[in-house]
Amino acid sequence: MAITSNTRDEILTIYLLDARVLEESQLDELYKEIMAEIEKTTEDRVILDFQKVKFMSSSMLGKLVAIHKKCKEFKVKLKFTAIDKEILQVFKITKLDKLFDIVSDEAAARKAFLRKGWF
């Protein structure tokens, strides 16, 4: 299992456990596990935590776009947290930082999700 998850305050948090996400079979399995968690939850807010991930293949970007697209279809709000600065640079170069809702850490994502009101 390449992920673990928990639900607290009606927010599903999925933690990626592998430091290196490189092989195609590993990417496919990771995608399936993440999607299974999202499909079975009743929560409409999901945090994808990258804290342990230090290296990621470019193929993973396509998987993340697919996850983002599915979340939109399910009307699930998705936030990415704790992204390594090198990986974040790739997101910026590919302009995916504009597509994804990226926050510094899980606490910041929870705070943003739990905020009430207009601002």
C-alpha atoms as a PDB file:
ATOM      1  CA  MET A   1       0.000   0.000   0.000  1.00  0.00           C
ATOM      2  CA  ALA A   2       1.497   3.305  -1.147  1.00  0.00           C
ATOM      3  CA  ILE A   3      -0.920   5.503   0.800  1.00  0.00           C
ATOM      4  CA  THR A   4      -2.621   5.819   4.132  1.00  0.00           C
ATOM      5  CA  SER A   5      -5.571   8.013   4.967  1.00  0.00           C
ATOM      6  CA  ASN A   6      -7.746   9.349   7.735  1.00  0.00           C
ATOM      7  CA  THR A   7     -10.843  11.475   8.080  1.00  0.00           C
ATOM      8  CA  ARG A   8     -11.131  14.257  10.627  1.00  0.00           C
ATOM      9  CA  ASP A   9     -13.472  17.262  10.703  1.00  0.00           C
ATOM     10  CA  GLU A  10     -15.196  15.910   7.578  1.00  0.00           C
ATOM     11  CA  ILE A  11     -11.944  16.199   5.610  1.00  0.00           C
ATOM     12  CA  LEU A  12     -10.260  13.159   4.036  1.00  0.00           C
ATOM     13  CA  THR A  13      -6.468  13.336   4.146  1.00  0.00           C
ATOM     14  CA  ILE A  14      -4.499  10.962   1.926  1.00  0.00           C
ATOM     15  CA  TYR A  15      -0.799  10.585   2.697  1.00  0.00           C
ATOM     16  CA  LEU A  16       1.578   9.382  -0.025  1.00  0.00           C
ATOM     17  CA  LEU A  17       4.083   7.087   1.677  1.00  0.00           C
ATOM     18  CA  ASP A  18       6.779   6.505  -0.950  1.00  0.00           C
ATOM     19  CA  ALA A  19       9.756   8.869  -1.131  1.00  0.00           C
ATOM     20  CA  ARG A  20      10.277   7.998  -4.803  1.00  0.00           C
ATOM     21  CA  VAL A  21       7.365   7.699  -7.231  1.00  0.00           C
ATOM     22  CA  LEU A  22       9.054   6.668 -10.458  1.00  0.00           C
ATOM     23  CA  GLU A  23       8.005   3.337 -11.984  1.00  0.00           C
ATOM     24  CA  GLU A  24       4.957   3.104 -14.243  1.00  0.00           C
ATOM     25  CA  SER A  25       3.476   0.151 -12.321  1.00  0.00           C
ATOM     26  CA  GLN A  26       3.951   2.090  -9.075  1.00  0.00           C
ATOM     27  CA  LEU A  27       2.212   5.135 -10.599  1.00  0.00           C
ATOM     28  CA  ASP A  28      -0.740   3.049 -11.744  1.00  0.00           C
ATOM     29  CA  GLU A  29      -1.117   1.439  -8.315  1.00  0.00           C
ATOM     30  CA  LEU A  30      -0.844   4.791  -6.542  1.00  0.00           C
ATOM     31  CA  TYR A  31      -3.480   6.303  -8.837  1.00  0.00           C
ATOM     32  CA  LYS A  32      -5.841   3.365  -8.211  1.00  0.00           C
ATOM     33  CA  GLU A  33      -5.385   3.583  -4.430  1.00  0.00           C
ATOM     34  CA  ILE A  34      -5.988   7.344  -4.342  1.00  0.00           C
ATOM     35  CA  MET A  35      -9.055   7.090  -6.565  1.00  0.00           C
ATOM     36  CA  ALA A  36     -10.452   4.219  -4.471  1.00  0.00           C
ATOM     37  CA  GLU A  37     -10.176   6.385  -1.344  1.00  0.00           C
ATOM     38  CA  ILE A  38     -11.841   9.351  -3.049  1.00  0.00           C
ATOM     39  CA  GLU A  39     -14.622   7.210  -4.551  1.00  0.00           C
ATOM     40  CA  LYS A  40     -15.507   5.508  -1.264  1.00  0.00           C
ATOM     41  CA  THR A  41     -15.509   8.617   0.937  1.00  0.00           C
ATOM     42  CA  THR A  42     -18.564  10.725   1.600  1.00  0.00           C
ATOM     43  CA  GLU A  43     -16.390  13.767   2.325  1.00  0.00           C
ATOM     44  CA  ASP A  44     -16.317  16.571  -0.214  1.00  0.00           C
ATOM     45  CA  ARG A  45     -12.930  17.934   0.895  1.00  0.00           C
ATOM     46  CA  VAL A  46      -9.695  16.033   0.275  1.00  0.00           C
ATOM     47  CA  ILE A  47      -6.089  16.794   1.150  1.00  0.00           C
ATOM     48  CA  LEU A  48      -3.352  14.986  -0.767  1.00  0.00           C
ATOM     49  CA  ASP A  49      -0.215  15.150   1.398  1.00  0.00           C
ATOM     50  CA  PHE A  50       3.166  14.861  -0.379  1.00  0.00           C
ATOM     51  CA  GLN A  51       5.353  15.264   2.721  1.00  0.00           C
ATOM     52  CA  LYS A  52       7.266  12.008   2.203  1.00  0.00           C
ATOM     53  CA  VAL A  53       7.622  12.350  -1.593  1.00  0.00           C
ATOM     54  CA  LYS A  54      11.076  13.583  -2.635  1.00  0.00           C
ATOM     55  CA  PHE A  55      11.229  12.378  -6.254  1.00  0.00           C
ATOM     56  CA  MET A  56       8.389  12.005  -8.734  1.00  0.00           C
ATOM     57  CA  SER A  57       8.429  11.075 -12.412  1.00  0.00           C
ATOM     58  CA  SER A  58       6.851  13.361 -14.976  1.00  0.00           C
ATOM     59  CA  SER A  59       4.275  10.640 -15.659  1.00  0.00           C
ATOM     60  CA  MET A  60       2.902  11.281 -12.191  1.00  0.00           C
ATOM     61  CA  LEU A  61       1.867  14.765 -13.328  1.00  0.00           C
ATOM     62  CA  GLY A  62      -0.629  13.187 -15.712  1.00  0.00           C
ATOM     63  CA  LYS A  63      -2.013  11.035 -12.901  1.00  0.00           C
ATOM     64  CA  LEU A  64      -2.422  14.109 -10.687  1.00  0.00           C
ATOM     65  CA  VAL A  65      -4.267  15.948 -13.469  1.00  0.00           C
ATOM     66  CA  ALA A  66      -6.586  12.924 -13.832  1.00  0.00           C
ATOM     67  CA  ILE A  67      -7.202  12.873 -10.053  1.00  0.00           C
ATOM     68  CA  HIS A  68      -7.935  16.609 -10.133  1.00  0.00           C
ATOM     69  CA  LYS A  69     -10.370  16.123 -13.020  1.00  0.00           C
ATOM     70  CA  LYS A  70     -12.200  13.295 -11.214  1.00  0.00           C
ATOM     71  CA  CYS A  71     -12.480  15.394  -8.065  1.00  0.00           C
ATOM     72  CA  LYS A  72     -14.078  18.168 -10.128  1.00  0.00           C
ATOM     73  CA  GLU A  73     -16.563  15.640 -11.539  1.00  0.00           C
ATOM     74  CA  PHE A  74     -17.396  14.412  -8.016  1.00  0.00           C
ATOM     75  CA  LYS A  75     -17.605  18.044  -6.775  1.00  0.00           C
ATOM     76  CA  VAL A  76     -14.797  17.309  -4.329  1.00  0.00           C
ATOM     77  CA  LYS A  77     -12.486  20.132  -3.284  1.00  0.00           C
ATOM     78  CA  LEU A  78      -8.859  18.985  -3.498  1.00  0.00           C
ATOM     79  CA  LYS A  79      -5.777  20.557  -1.933  1.00  0.00           C
ATOM     80  CA  PHE A  80      -2.151  19.424  -2.343  1.00  0.00           C
ATOM     81  CA  THR A  81       0.116  19.928   0.664  1.00  0.00           C
ATOM     82  CA  ALA A  82       3.749  19.596   1.736  1.00  0.00           C
ATOM     83  CA  ILE A  83       5.194  19.456  -1.767  1.00  0.00           C
ATOM     84  CA  ASP A  84       8.986  19.279  -1.914  1.00  0.00           C
ATOM     85  CA  LYS A  85      10.506  22.489  -3.323  1.00  0.00           C
ATOM     86  CA  GLU A  86      12.085  20.649  -6.290  1.00  0.00           C
ATOM     87  CA  ILE A  87       8.747  19.065  -7.225  1.00  0.00           C
ATOM     88  CA  LEU A  88       7.014  22.406  -6.743  1.00  0.00           C
ATOM     89  CA  GLN A  89       9.429  23.908  -9.282  1.00  0.00           C
ATOM     90  CA  VAL A  90       8.246  21.325 -11.828  1.00  0.00           C
ATOM     91  CA  PHE A  91       4.638  22.278 -11.058  1.00  0.00           C
ATOM     92  CA  LYS A  92       5.531  25.919 -11.699  1.00  0.00           C
ATOM     93  CA  ILE A  93       7.404  25.215 -14.952  1.00  0.00           C
ATOM     94  CA  THR A  94       4.461  23.181 -16.266  1.00  0.00           C
ATOM     95  CA  LYS A  95       1.968  25.771 -14.934  1.00  0.00           C
ATOM     96  CA  LEU A  96       0.238  23.077 -12.885  1.00  0.00           C
ATOM     97  CA  ASP A  97       0.601  25.320  -9.842  1.00  0.00           C
ATOM     98  CA  LYS A  98      -2.192  27.374 -11.465  1.00  0.00           C
ATOM     99  CA  LEU A  99      -4.440  24.305 -11.855  1.00  0.00           C
ATOM    100  CA  PHE A 100      -3.885  22.701  -8.460  1.00  0.00           C
ATOM    101  CA  ASP A 101      -4.766  24.259  -5.107  1.00  0.00           C
ATOM    102  CA  ILE A 102      -1.386  23.980  -3.363  1.00  0.00           C
ATOM    103  CA  VAL A 103      -0.878  24.952   0.276  1.00  0.00           C
ATOM    104  CA  SER A 104       2.167  24.707   2.503  1.00  0.00           C
ATOM    105  CA  ASP A 105       1.066  21.960   4.881  1.00  0.00           C
ATOM    106  CA  GLU A 106      -1.865  19.944   6.178  1.00  0.00           C
ATOM    107  CA  ALA A 107      -2.660  22.450   8.943  1.00  0.00           C
ATOM    108  CA  ALA A 108      -2.949  25.279   6.390  1.00  0.00           C
ATOM    109  CA  ALA A 109      -5.184  23.143   4.165  1.00  0.00           C
ATOM    110  CA  ARG A 110      -7.458  22.258   7.096  1.00  0.00           C
ATOM    111  CA  LYS A 111      -7.644  25.888   8.148  1.00  0.00           C
ATOM    112  CA  ALA A 112      -8.586  26.929   4.591  1.00  0.00           C
ATOM    113  CA  PHE A 113     -11.245  24.207   4.367  1.00  0.00           C
ATOM    114  CA  LEU A 114     -12.734  25.092   7.753  1.00  0.00           C
ATOM    115  CA  ARG A 115     -12.813  28.846   7.149  1.00  0.00           C
ATOM    116  CA  LYS A 116     -16.316  30.251   7.094  1.00  0.00           C
ATOM    117  CA  GLY A 117     -17.603  33.366   5.381  1.00  0.00           C
ATOM    118  CA  TRP A 118     -16.599  35.280   2.293  1.00  0.00           C
ATOM    119  CA  PHE A 119     -12.893  35.740   2.971  1.00  0.00           C
END
